[in-house]
Structure formats: structure tokens, C-alpha cells
ModelCIF file with pLDDT and N, C-alpha, C, O atoms, coordinates in Angstrom:
data_MODEL
#
_entry.id   MODEL 
#
_entity.id                         1 
_entity.type                       polymer 
_entity.pdbx_number_of_molecules   1 
#
_entity_poly.entity_id                      1 
_entity_poly.type                           'polypeptide(L)' 
_entity_poly.nstd_linkage                   no 
_entity_poly.nstd_monomer                   no 
_entity_poly.pdbx_seq_one_letter_code       STSSAGAARIFLEFGWEDLDAVMVGTIEGLAGARPRAIRMVGGAAYAL 
_entity_poly.pdbx_seq_one_letter_code_can   STSSAGAARIFLEFGWEDLDAVMVGTIEGLAGARPRAIRMVGGAAYAL 
_entity_poly.pdbx_strand_id                 A 
#
loop_
_entity_poly_seq.entity_id 
_entity_poly_seq.num 
_entity_poly_seq.mon_id 
_entity_poly_seq.hetero 
1 1  SER n 
1 2  THR n 
1 3  SER n 
1 4  SER n 
1 5  ALA n 
1 6  GLY n 
1 7  ALA n 
1 8  ALA n 
1 9  ARG n 
1 10 ILE n 
1 11 PHE n 
1 12 LEU n 
1 13 GLU n 
1 14 PHE n 
1 15 GLY n 
1 16 TRP n 
1 17 GLU n 
1 18 ASP n 
1 19 LEU n 
1 20 ASP n 
1 21 ALA n 
1 22 VAL n 
1 23 MET n 
1 24 VAL n 
1 25 GLY n 
1 26 THR n 
1 27 ILE n 
1 28 GLU n 
1 29 GLY n 
1 30 LEU n 
1 31 ALA n 
1 32 GLY n 
1 33 ALA n 
1 34 ARG n 
1 35 PRO n 
1 36 ARG n 
1 37 ALA n 
1 38 ILE n 
1 39 ARG n 
1 40 MET n 
1 41 VAL n 
1 42 GLY n 
1 43 GLY n 
1 44 ALA n 
1 45 ALA n 
1 46 TYR n 
1 47 ALA n 
1 48 LEU n 
#
_struct_asym.id          A 
_struct_asym.entity_id   1 
#
loop_
_ma_qa_metric.id 
_ma_qa_metric.mode 
_ma_qa_metric.name 
_ma_qa_metric.software_group_id 
_ma_qa_metric.type 
1 global pLDDT . pLDDT 
2 local  pLDDT . pLDDT 
#
_ma_qa_metric_global.metric_id      1 
_ma_qa_metric_global.metric_value   91.54 
_ma_qa_metric_global.model_id       1 
_ma_qa_metric_global.ordinal_id     1 
#
loop_
_ma_qa_metric_local.label_asym_id 
_ma_qa_metric_local.label_comp_id 
_ma_qa_metric_local.label_seq_id 
_ma_qa_metric_local.metric_id 
_ma_qa_metric_local.metric_value 
_ma_qa_metric_local.model_id 
_ma_qa_metric_local.ordinal_id 
A SER 1  2 90.00 1 1  
A THR 2  2 87.00 1 2  
A SER 3  2 90.00 1 3  
A SER 4  2 91.00 1 4  
A ALA 5  2 91.00 1 5  
A GLY 6  2 91.00 1 6  
A ALA 7  2 92.00 1 7  
A ALA 8  2 93.00 1 8  
A ARG 9  2 95.00 1 9  
A ILE 10 2 96.00 1 10 
A PHE 11 2 97.00 1 11 
A LEU 12 2 96.00 1 12 
A GLU 13 2 96.00 1 13 
A PHE 14 2 95.00 1 14 
A GLY 15 2 91.00 1 15 
A TRP 16 2 88.00 1 16 
A GLU 17 2 84.00 1 17 
A ASP 18 2 84.00 1 18 
A LEU 19 2 87.00 1 19 
A ASP 20 2 88.00 1 20 
A ALA 21 2 90.00 1 21 
A VAL 22 2 89.00 1 22 
A MET 23 2 92.00 1 23 
A VAL 24 2 92.00 1 24 
A GLY 25 2 92.00 1 25 
A THR 26 2 92.00 1 26 
A ILE 27 2 91.00 1 27 
A GLU 28 2 91.00 1 28 
A GLY 29 2 89.00 1 29 
A LEU 30 2 90.00 1 30 
A ALA 31 2 86.00 1 31 
A GLY 32 2 83.00 1 32 
A ALA 33 2 81.00 1 33 
A ARG 34 2 84.00 1 34 
A PRO 35 2 87.00 1 35 
A ARG 36 2 91.00 1 36 
A ALA 37 2 93.00 1 37 
A ILE 38 2 94.00 1 38 
A ARG 39 2 95.00 1 39 
A MET 40 2 95.00 1 40 
A VAL 41 2 95.00 1 41 
A GLY 42 2 95.00 1 42 
A GLY 43 2 96.00 1 43 
A ALA 44 2 97.00 1 44 
A ALA 45 2 98.00 1 45 
A TYR 46 2 98.00 1 46 
A ALA 47 2 98.00 1 47 
A LEU 48 2 98.00 1 48 
#
loop_
_atom_site.group_PDB 
_atom_site.id 
_atom_site.type_symbol 
_atom_site.label_atom_id 
_atom_site.label_alt_id 
_atom_site.label_comp_id 
_atom_site.label_asym_id 
_atom_site.label_entity_id 
_atom_site.label_seq_id 
_atom_site.pdbx_PDB_ins_code 
_atom_site.Cartn_x 
_atom_site.Cartn_y 
_atom_site.Cartn_z 
_atom_site.occupancy 
_atom_site.B_iso_or_equiv 
_atom_site.pdbx_formal_charge 
_atom_site.auth_seq_id 
_atom_site.auth_comp_id 
_atom_site.auth_asym_id 
_atom_site.auth_atom_id 
_atom_site.pdbx_PDB_model_num 
ATOM 1   N N  . SER A 1 1  ? -52.506 7.978  190.944 1.00 90.00 ? 1  SER A N  1 
ATOM 2   C CA . SER A 1 1  ? -51.715 9.030  190.323 1.00 90.00 ? 1  SER A CA 1 
ATOM 3   C C  . SER A 1 1  ? -51.145 9.915  191.418 1.00 90.00 ? 1  SER A C  1 
ATOM 4   O O  . SER A 1 1  ? -51.543 9.825  192.580 1.00 90.00 ? 1  SER A O  1 
ATOM 5   N N  . THR A 1 2  ? -50.221 10.760 191.037 1.00 87.00 ? 2  THR A N  1 
ATOM 6   C CA . THR A 1 2  ? -49.636 11.702 191.992 1.00 87.00 ? 2  THR A CA 1 
ATOM 7   C C  . THR A 1 2  ? -49.476 13.052 191.314 1.00 87.00 ? 2  THR A C  1 
ATOM 8   O O  . THR A 1 2  ? -48.679 13.194 190.387 1.00 87.00 ? 2  THR A O  1 
ATOM 9   N N  . SER A 1 3  ? -50.220 14.029 191.767 1.00 90.00 ? 3  SER A N  1 
ATOM 10  C CA . SER A 1 3  ? -50.051 15.398 191.295 1.00 90.00 ? 3  SER A CA 1 
ATOM 11  C C  . SER A 1 3  ? -49.053 16.109 192.209 1.00 90.00 ? 3  SER A C  1 
ATOM 12  O O  . SER A 1 3  ? -48.670 15.579 193.252 1.00 90.00 ? 3  SER A O  1 
ATOM 13  N N  . SER A 1 4  ? -48.642 17.289 191.817 1.00 91.00 ? 4  SER A N  1 
ATOM 14  C CA . SER A 1 4  ? -47.730 18.054 192.676 1.00 91.00 ? 4  SER A CA 1 
ATOM 15  C C  . SER A 1 4  ? -48.394 18.395 194.002 1.00 91.00 ? 4  SER A C  1 
ATOM 16  O O  . SER A 1 4  ? -47.743 18.403 195.046 1.00 91.00 ? 4  SER A O  1 
ATOM 17  N N  . ALA A 1 5  ? -49.701 18.678 193.957 1.00 91.00 ? 5  ALA A N  1 
ATOM 18  C CA . ALA A 1 5  ? -50.423 18.973 195.195 1.00 91.00 ? 5  ALA A CA 1 
ATOM 19  C C  . ALA A 1 5  ? -50.525 17.731 196.061 1.00 91.00 ? 5  ALA A C  1 
ATOM 20  O O  . ALA A 1 5  ? -50.342 17.805 197.276 1.00 91.00 ? 5  ALA A O  1 
ATOM 21  N N  . GLY A 1 6  ? -50.816 16.586 195.449 1.00 91.00 ? 6  GLY A N  1 
ATOM 22  C CA . GLY A 1 6  ? -50.903 15.350 196.217 1.00 91.00 ? 6  GLY A CA 1 
ATOM 23  C C  . GLY A 1 6  ? -49.581 14.987 196.857 1.00 91.00 ? 6  GLY A C  1 
ATOM 24  O O  . GLY A 1 6  ? -49.542 14.552 198.008 1.00 91.00 ? 6  GLY A O  1 
ATOM 25  N N  . ALA A 1 7  ? -48.497 15.162 196.118 1.00 92.00 ? 7  ALA A N  1 
ATOM 26  C CA . ALA A 1 7  ? -47.175 14.818 196.639 1.00 92.00 ? 7  ALA A CA 1 
ATOM 27  C C  . ALA A 1 7  ? -46.764 15.698 197.800 1.00 92.00 ? 7  ALA A C  1 
ATOM 28  O O  . ALA A 1 7  ? -45.919 15.302 198.602 1.00 92.00 ? 7  ALA A O  1 
ATOM 29  N N  . ALA A 1 8  ? -47.343 16.882 197.907 1.00 93.00 ? 8  ALA A N  1 
ATOM 30  C CA . ALA A 1 8  ? -46.963 17.824 198.961 1.00 93.00 ? 8  ALA A CA 1 
ATOM 31  C C  . ALA A 1 8  ? -47.539 17.462 200.322 1.00 93.00 ? 8  ALA A C  1 
ATOM 32  O O  . ALA A 1 8  ? -47.093 17.991 201.340 1.00 93.00 ? 8  ALA A O  1 
ATOM 33  N N  . ARG A 1 9  ? -48.519 16.571 200.354 1.00 95.00 ? 9  ARG A N  1 
ATOM 34  C CA . ARG A 1 9  ? -49.223 16.302 201.604 1.00 95.00 ? 9  ARG A CA 1 
ATOM 35  C C  . ARG A 1 9  ? -48.495 15.264 202.453 1.00 95.00 ? 9  ARG A C  1 
ATOM 36  O O  . ARG A 1 9  ? -47.905 14.321 201.923 1.00 95.00 ? 9  ARG A O  1 
ATOM 37  N N  . ILE A 1 10 ? -48.540 15.441 203.765 1.00 96.00 ? 10 ILE A N  1 
ATOM 38  C CA . ILE A 1 10 ? -48.159 14.384 204.695 1.00 96.00 ? 10 ILE A CA 1 
ATOM 39  C C  . ILE A 1 10 ? -49.274 14.254 205.725 1.00 96.00 ? 10 ILE A C  1 
ATOM 40  O O  . ILE A 1 10 ? -49.593 15.202 206.443 1.00 96.00 ? 10 ILE A O  1 
ATOM 41  N N  . PHE A 1 11 ? -49.849 13.079 205.781 1.00 97.00 ? 11 PHE A N  1 
ATOM 42  C CA . PHE A 1 11 ? -50.900 12.788 206.749 1.00 97.00 ? 11 PHE A CA 1 
ATOM 43  C C  . PHE A 1 11 ? -50.256 12.237 208.018 1.00 97.00 ? 11 PHE A C  1 
ATOM 44  O O  . PHE A 1 11 ? -49.482 11.281 207.962 1.00 97.00 ? 11 PHE A O  1 
ATOM 45  N N  . LEU A 1 12 ? -50.575 12.834 209.149 1.00 96.00 ? 12 LEU A N  1 
ATOM 46  C CA . LEU A 1 12 ? -50.073 12.385 210.445 1.00 96.00 ? 12 LEU A CA 1 
ATOM 47  C C  . LEU A 1 12 ? -51.217 11.753 211.223 1.00 96.00 ? 12 LEU A C  1 
ATOM 48  O O  . LEU A 1 12 ? -52.296 12.332 211.348 1.00 96.00 ? 12 LEU A O  1 
ATOM 49  N N  . GLU A 1 13 ? -50.966 10.565 211.739 1.00 96.00 ? 13 GLU A N  1 
ATOM 50  C CA . GLU A 1 13 ? -51.955 9.896  212.577 1.00 96.00 ? 13 GLU A CA 1 
ATOM 51  C C  . GLU A 1 13 ? -51.259 9.324  213.807 1.00 96.00 ? 13 GLU A C  1 
ATOM 52  O O  . GLU A 1 13 ? -50.228 8.659  213.709 1.00 96.00 ? 13 GLU A O  1 
ATOM 53  N N  . PHE A 1 14 ? -51.851 9.600  214.967 1.00 95.00 ? 14 PHE A N  1 
ATOM 54  C CA . PHE A 1 14 ? -51.296 9.146  216.233 1.00 95.00 ? 14 PHE A CA 1 
ATOM 55  C C  . PHE A 1 14 ? -52.330 8.267  216.946 1.00 95.00 ? 14 PHE A C  1 
ATOM 56  O O  . PHE A 1 14 ? -53.536 8.435  216.764 1.00 95.00 ? 14 PHE A O  1 
ATOM 57  N N  . GLY A 1 15 ? -51.845 7.348  217.742 1.00 91.00 ? 15 GLY A N  1 
ATOM 58  C CA . GLY A 1 15 ? -52.735 6.428  218.433 1.00 91.00 ? 15 GLY A CA 1 
ATOM 59  C C  . GLY A 1 15 ? -53.339 7.002  219.691 1.00 91.00 ? 15 GLY A C  1 
ATOM 60  O O  . GLY A 1 15 ? -53.843 6.255  220.530 1.00 91.00 ? 15 GLY A O  1 
ATOM 61  N N  . TRP A 1 16 ? -53.301 8.299  219.840 1.00 88.00 ? 16 TRP A N  1 
ATOM 62  C CA . TRP A 1 16 ? -53.905 8.976  220.979 1.00 88.00 ? 16 TRP A CA 1 
ATOM 63  C C  . TRP A 1 16 ? -54.377 10.344 220.483 1.00 88.00 ? 16 TRP A C  1 
ATOM 64  O O  . TRP A 1 16 ? -53.944 10.802 219.426 1.00 88.00 ? 16 TRP A O  1 
ATOM 65  N N  . GLU A 1 17 ? -55.249 10.987 221.228 1.00 84.00 ? 17 GLU A N  1 
ATOM 66  C CA . GLU A 1 17 ? -55.862 12.237 220.781 1.00 84.00 ? 17 GLU A CA 1 
ATOM 67  C C  . GLU A 1 17 ? -55.295 13.474 221.463 1.00 84.00 ? 17 GLU A C  1 
ATOM 68  O O  . GLU A 1 17 ? -55.241 14.544 220.857 1.00 84.00 ? 17 GLU A O  1 
ATOM 69  N N  . ASP A 1 18 ? -54.866 13.339 222.730 1.00 84.00 ? 18 ASP A N  1 
ATOM 70  C CA . ASP A 1 18 ? -54.449 14.523 223.480 1.00 84.00 ? 18 ASP A CA 1 
ATOM 71  C C  . ASP A 1 18 ? -53.054 14.979 223.051 1.00 84.00 ? 18 ASP A C  1 
ATOM 72  O O  . ASP A 1 18 ? -52.165 14.160 222.819 1.00 84.00 ? 18 ASP A O  1 
ATOM 73  N N  . LEU A 1 19 ? -52.881 16.284 222.950 1.00 87.00 ? 19 LEU A N  1 
ATOM 74  C CA . LEU A 1 19 ? -51.616 16.873 222.530 1.00 87.00 ? 19 LEU A CA 1 
ATOM 75  C C  . LEU A 1 19 ? -50.558 16.634 223.603 1.00 87.00 ? 19 LEU A C  1 
ATOM 76  O O  . LEU A 1 19 ? -50.784 16.927 224.777 1.00 87.00 ? 19 LEU A O  1 
ATOM 77  N N  . ASP A 1 20 ? -49.408 16.103 223.203 1.00 88.00 ? 20 ASP A N  1 
ATOM 78  C CA . ASP A 1 20 ? -48.332 15.879 224.162 1.00 88.00 ? 20 ASP A CA 1 
ATOM 79  C C  . ASP A 1 20 ? -46.989 16.141 223.497 1.00 88.00 ? 20 ASP A C  1 
ATOM 80  O O  . ASP A 1 20 ? -46.933 16.535 222.332 1.00 88.00 ? 20 ASP A O  1 
ATOM 81  N N  . ALA A 1 21 ? -45.900 15.919 224.244 1.00 90.00 ? 21 ALA A N  1 
ATOM 82  C CA . ALA A 1 21 ? -44.571 16.264 223.752 1.00 90.00 ? 21 ALA A CA 1 
ATOM 83  C C  . ALA A 1 21 ? -44.172 15.421 222.553 1.00 90.00 ? 21 ALA A C  1 
ATOM 84  O O  . ALA A 1 21 ? -43.450 15.899 221.679 1.00 90.00 ? 21 ALA A O  1 
ATOM 85  N N  . VAL A 1 22 ? -44.634 14.162 222.495 1.00 89.00 ? 22 VAL A N  1 
ATOM 86  C CA . VAL A 1 22 ? -44.277 13.297 221.370 1.00 89.00 ? 22 VAL A CA 1 
ATOM 87  C C  . VAL A 1 22 ? -44.948 13.789 220.098 1.00 89.00 ? 22 VAL A C  1 
ATOM 88  O O  . VAL A 1 22 ? -44.317 13.847 219.043 1.00 89.00 ? 22 VAL A O  1 
ATOM 89  N N  . MET A 1 23 ? -46.222 14.144 220.192 1.00 92.00 ? 23 MET A N  1 
ATOM 90  C CA . MET A 1 23 ? -46.922 14.648 219.013 1.00 92.00 ? 23 MET A CA 1 
ATOM 91  C C  . MET A 1 23 ? -46.281 15.943 218.520 1.00 92.00 ? 23 MET A C  1 
ATOM 92  O O  . MET A 1 23 ? -46.038 16.106 217.324 1.00 92.00 ? 23 MET A O  1 
ATOM 93  N N  . VAL A 1 24 ? -46.010 16.855 219.441 1.00 92.00 ? 24 VAL A N  1 
ATOM 94  C CA . VAL A 1 24 ? -45.374 18.123 219.064 1.00 92.00 ? 24 VAL A CA 1 
ATOM 95  C C  . VAL A 1 24 ? -43.969 17.878 218.521 1.00 92.00 ? 24 VAL A C  1 
ATOM 96  O O  . VAL A 1 24 ? -43.564 18.492 217.534 1.00 92.00 ? 24 VAL A O  1 
ATOM 97  N N  . GLY A 1 25 ? -43.229 16.981 219.169 1.00 92.00 ? 25 GLY A N  1 
ATOM 98  C CA . GLY A 1 25 ? -41.870 16.689 218.721 1.00 92.00 ? 25 GLY A CA 1 
ATOM 99  C C  . GLY A 1 25 ? -41.834 16.074 217.337 1.00 92.00 ? 25 GLY A C  1 
ATOM 100 O O  . GLY A 1 25 ? -40.946 16.380 216.541 1.00 92.00 ? 25 GLY A O  1 
ATOM 101 N N  . THR A 1 26 ? -42.796 15.207 217.045 1.00 92.00 ? 26 THR A N  1 
ATOM 102 C CA . THR A 1 26 ? -42.863 14.617 215.710 1.00 92.00 ? 26 THR A CA 1 
ATOM 103 C C  . THR A 1 26 ? -43.075 15.696 214.659 1.00 92.00 ? 26 THR A C  1 
ATOM 104 O O  . THR A 1 26 ? -42.414 15.699 213.620 1.00 92.00 ? 26 THR A O  1 
ATOM 105 N N  . ILE A 1 27 ? -43.994 16.609 214.928 1.00 91.00 ? 27 ILE A N  1 
ATOM 106 C CA . ILE A 1 27 ? -44.257 17.692 213.979 1.00 91.00 ? 27 ILE A CA 1 
ATOM 107 C C  . ILE A 1 27 ? -43.019 18.581 213.832 1.00 91.00 ? 27 ILE A C  1 
ATOM 108 O O  . ILE A 1 27 ? -42.675 18.995 212.726 1.00 91.00 ? 27 ILE A O  1 
ATOM 109 N N  . GLU A 1 28 ? -42.354 18.870 214.955 1.00 91.00 ? 28 GLU A N  1 
ATOM 110 C CA . GLU A 1 28 ? -41.133 19.679 214.872 1.00 91.00 ? 28 GLU A CA 1 
ATOM 111 C C  . GLU A 1 28 ? -40.043 18.937 214.096 1.00 91.00 ? 28 GLU A C  1 
ATOM 112 O O  . GLU A 1 28 ? -39.263 19.551 213.368 1.00 91.00 ? 28 GLU A O  1 
ATOM 113 N N  . GLY A 1 29 ? -39.994 17.610 214.257 1.00 89.00 ? 29 GLY A N  1 
ATOM 114 C CA . GLY A 1 29 ? -39.001 16.821 213.545 1.00 89.00 ? 29 GLY A CA 1 
ATOM 115 C C  . GLY A 1 29 ? -39.159 16.898 212.042 1.00 89.00 ? 29 GLY A C  1 
ATOM 116 O O  . GLY A 1 29 ? -38.188 16.737 211.302 1.00 89.00 ? 29 GLY A O  1 
ATOM 117 N N  . LEU A 1 30 ? -40.371 17.143 211.587 1.00 90.00 ? 30 LEU A N  1 
ATOM 118 C CA . LEU A 1 30 ? -40.615 17.262 210.153 1.00 90.00 ? 30 LEU A CA 1 
ATOM 119 C C  . LEU A 1 30 ? -40.049 18.562 209.581 1.00 90.00 ? 30 LEU A C  1 
ATOM 120 O O  . LEU A 1 30 ? -39.892 18.697 208.368 1.00 90.00 ? 30 LEU A O  1 
ATOM 121 N N  . ALA A 1 31 ? -39.747 19.505 210.455 1.00 86.00 ? 31 ALA A N  1 
ATOM 122 C CA . ALA A 1 31 ? -39.226 20.792 209.979 1.00 86.00 ? 31 ALA A CA 1 
ATOM 123 C C  . ALA A 1 31 ? -37.875 20.631 209.298 1.00 86.00 ? 31 ALA A C  1 
ATOM 124 O O  . ALA A 1 31 ? -37.494 21.456 208.467 1.00 86.00 ? 31 ALA A O  1 
ATOM 125 N N  . GLY A 1 32 ? -37.148 19.572 209.644 1.00 83.00 ? 32 GLY A N  1 
ATOM 126 C CA . GLY A 1 32 ? -35.855 19.337 209.024 1.00 83.00 ? 32 GLY A CA 1 
ATOM 127 C C  . GLY A 1 32 ? -35.951 18.600 207.710 1.00 83.00 ? 32 GLY A C  1 
ATOM 128 O O  . GLY A 1 32 ? -34.950 18.463 207.006 1.00 83.00 ? 32 GLY A O  1 
ATOM 129 N N  . ALA A 1 33 ? -37.141 18.117 207.358 1.00 81.00 ? 33 ALA A N  1 
ATOM 130 C CA . ALA A 1 33 ? -37.333 17.422 206.094 1.00 81.00 ? 33 ALA A CA 1 
ATOM 131 C C  . ALA A 1 33 ? -37.806 18.421 205.042 1.00 81.00 ? 33 ALA A C  1 
ATOM 132 O O  . ALA A 1 33 ? -37.909 19.620 205.305 1.00 81.00 ? 33 ALA A O  1 
ATOM 133 N N  . ARG A 1 34 ? -38.092 17.905 203.846 1.00 84.00 ? 34 ARG A N  1 
ATOM 134 C CA . ARG A 1 34 ? -38.551 18.814 202.792 1.00 84.00 ? 34 ARG A CA 1 
ATOM 135 C C  . ARG A 1 34 ? -39.921 19.405 203.168 1.00 84.00 ? 34 ARG A C  1 
ATOM 136 O O  . ARG A 1 34 ? -40.671 18.778 203.916 1.00 84.00 ? 34 ARG A O  1 
ATOM 137 N N  . PRO A 1 35 ? -40.252 20.581 202.668 1.00 87.00 ? 35 PRO A N  1 
ATOM 138 C CA . PRO A 1 35 ? -41.525 21.211 203.023 1.00 87.00 ? 35 PRO A CA 1 
ATOM 139 C C  . PRO A 1 35 ? -42.708 20.340 202.618 1.00 87.00 ? 35 PRO A C  1 
ATOM 140 O O  . PRO A 1 35 ? -42.738 19.779 201.522 1.00 87.00 ? 35 PRO A O  1 
ATOM 141 N N  . ARG A 1 36 ? -43.683 20.237 203.523 1.00 91.00 ? 36 ARG A N  1 
ATOM 142 C CA . ARG A 1 36 ? -44.884 19.453 203.268 1.00 91.00 ? 36 ARG A CA 1 
ATOM 143 C C  . ARG A 1 36 ? -46.096 20.173 203.856 1.00 91.00 ? 36 ARG A C  1 
ATOM 144 O O  . ARG A 1 36 ? -45.975 20.972 204.784 1.00 91.00 ? 36 ARG A O  1 
ATOM 145 N N  . ALA A 1 37 ? -47.248 19.874 203.301 1.00 93.00 ? 37 ALA A N  1 
ATOM 146 C CA . ALA A 1 37 ? -48.507 20.369 203.855 1.00 93.00 ? 37 ALA A CA 1 
ATOM 147 C C  . ALA A 1 37 ? -49.040 19.314 204.809 1.00 93.00 ? 37 ALA A C  1 
ATOM 148 O O  . ALA A 1 37 ? -49.423 18.224 204.384 1.00 93.00 ? 37 ALA A O  1 
ATOM 149 N N  . ILE A 1 38 ? -49.064 19.631 206.094 1.00 94.00 ? 38 ILE A N  1 
ATOM 150 C CA . ILE A 1 38 ? -49.456 18.656 207.111 1.00 94.00 ? 38 ILE A CA 1 
ATOM 151 C C  . ILE A 1 38 ? -50.973 18.563 207.190 1.00 94.00 ? 38 ILE A C  1 
ATOM 152 O O  . ILE A 1 38 ? -51.675 19.574 207.221 1.00 94.00 ? 38 ILE A O  1 
ATOM 153 N N  . ARG A 1 39 ? -51.464 17.321 207.222 1.00 95.00 ? 39 ARG A N  1 
ATOM 154 C CA . ARG A 1 39 ? -52.887 17.056 207.388 1.00 95.00 ? 39 ARG A CA 1 
ATOM 155 C C  . ARG A 1 39 ? -53.070 16.010 208.488 1.00 95.00 ? 39 ARG A C  1 
ATOM 156 O O  . ARG A 1 39 ? -52.375 14.995 208.513 1.00 95.00 ? 39 ARG A O  1 
ATOM 157 N N  . MET A 1 40 ? -54.016 16.272 209.398 1.00 95.00 ? 40 MET A N  1 
ATOM 158 C CA . MET A 1 40 ? -54.393 15.305 210.436 1.00 95.00 ? 40 MET A CA 1 
ATOM 159 C C  . MET A 1 40 ? -55.909 15.131 210.340 1.00 95.00 ? 40 MET A C  1 
ATOM 160 O O  . MET A 1 40 ? -56.667 15.977 210.813 1.00 95.00 ? 40 MET A O  1 
ATOM 161 N N  . VAL A 1 41 ? -56.342 14.036 209.728 1.00 95.00 ? 41 VAL A N  1 
ATOM 162 C CA . VAL A 1 41 ? -57.763 13.855 209.453 1.00 95.00 ? 41 VAL A CA 1 
ATOM 163 C C  . VAL A 1 41 ? -58.466 13.004 210.507 1.00 95.00 ? 41 VAL A C  1 
ATOM 164 O O  . VAL A 1 41 ? -59.694 12.919 210.516 1.00 95.00 ? 41 VAL A O  1 
ATOM 165 N N  . GLY A 1 42 ? -57.696 12.373 211.394 1.00 95.00 ? 42 GLY A N  1 
ATOM 166 C CA . GLY A 1 42 ? -58.320 11.595 212.459 1.00 95.00 ? 42 GLY A CA 1 
ATOM 167 C C  . GLY A 1 42 ? -58.831 10.243 212.018 1.00 95.00 ? 42 GLY A C  1 
ATOM 168 O O  . GLY A 1 42 ? -59.719 9.677  212.656 1.00 95.00 ? 42 GLY A O  1 
ATOM 169 N N  . GLY A 1 43 ? -58.282 9.713  210.932 1.00 96.00 ? 43 GLY A N  1 
ATOM 170 C CA . GLY A 1 43 ? -58.662 8.383  210.461 1.00 96.00 ? 43 GLY A CA 1 
ATOM 171 C C  . GLY A 1 43 ? -57.541 7.813  209.616 1.00 96.00 ? 43 GLY A C  1 
ATOM 172 O O  . GLY A 1 43 ? -57.331 8.253  208.486 1.00 96.00 ? 43 GLY A O  1 
ATOM 173 N N  . ALA A 1 44 ? -56.810 6.829  210.154 1.00 97.00 ? 44 ALA A N  1 
ATOM 174 C CA . ALA A 1 44 ? -55.643 6.291  209.451 1.00 97.00 ? 44 ALA A CA 1 
ATOM 175 C C  . ALA A 1 44 ? -56.029 5.626  208.144 1.00 97.00 ? 44 ALA A C  1 
ATOM 176 O O  . ALA A 1 44 ? -55.360 5.828  207.131 1.00 97.00 ? 44 ALA A O  1 
ATOM 177 N N  . ALA A 1 45 ? -57.100 4.832  208.145 1.00 98.00 ? 45 ALA A N  1 
ATOM 178 C CA . ALA A 1 45 ? -57.505 4.130  206.930 1.00 98.00 ? 45 ALA A CA 1 
ATOM 179 C C  . ALA A 1 45 ? -57.893 5.114  205.838 1.00 98.00 ? 45 ALA A C  1 
ATOM 180 O O  . ALA A 1 45 ? -57.533 4.931  204.675 1.00 98.00 ? 45 ALA A O  1 
ATOM 181 N N  . TYR A 1 46 ? -58.620 6.151  206.208 1.00 98.00 ? 46 TYR A N  1 
ATOM 182 C CA . TYR A 1 46 ? -59.033 7.194  205.256 1.00 98.00 ? 46 TYR A CA 1 
ATOM 183 C C  . TYR A 1 46 ? -57.803 7.864  204.652 1.00 98.00 ? 46 TYR A C  1 
ATOM 184 O O  . TYR A 1 46 ? -57.737 8.071  203.440 1.00 98.00 ? 46 TYR A O  1 
ATOM 185 N N  . ALA A 1 47 ? -56.835 8.202  205.489 1.00 98.00 ? 47 ALA A N  1 
ATOM 186 C CA . ALA A 1 47 ? -55.618 8.851  205.006 1.00 98.00 ? 47 ALA A CA 1 
ATOM 187 C C  . ALA A 1 47 ? -54.825 7.929  204.093 1.00 98.00 ? 47 ALA A C  1 
ATOM 188 O O  . ALA A 1 47 ? -54.296 8.375  203.075 1.00 98.00 ? 47 ALA A O  1 
ATOM 189 N N  . LEU A 1 48 ? -54.735 6.652  204.441 1.00 98.00 ? 48 LEU A N  1 
ATOM 190 C CA . LEU A 1 48 ? -53.969 5.713  203.635 1.00 98.00 ? 48 LEU A CA 1 
ATOM 191 C C  . LEU A 1 48 ? -54.578 5.519  202.250 1.00 98.00 ? 48 LEU A C  1 
ATOM 192 O O  . LEU A 1 48 ? -54.048 4.755  201.444 1.00 98.00 ? 48 LEU A O  1 
#
């Protein structure tokens, strides 16, 4: 199912842990899309 709260989430997962320009740039790139609640849970399978 999809609730309004569920639809608002975007899970971000990166293949590395340290903060860098690509990770920051990806998050900044989302600013041009529709508003979303960003979540980084540290597990791609769990998020999927």
C-alpha cells in the first residue's frame, strides 16, 4: 500500500560511507524535484 506519509519518503543509499561531493551533490540535486522526506538507513535491502 502507499499512504501519503509513505509516498513522501525517499531512501538514499550510496556504495560508500564517507561524505563527499557526489553524495552532497545528489542530495542538492533533489532540491529541484518535488519535496520529499530524505531517509538514509544504511541498508539498501531494508530500504527496498
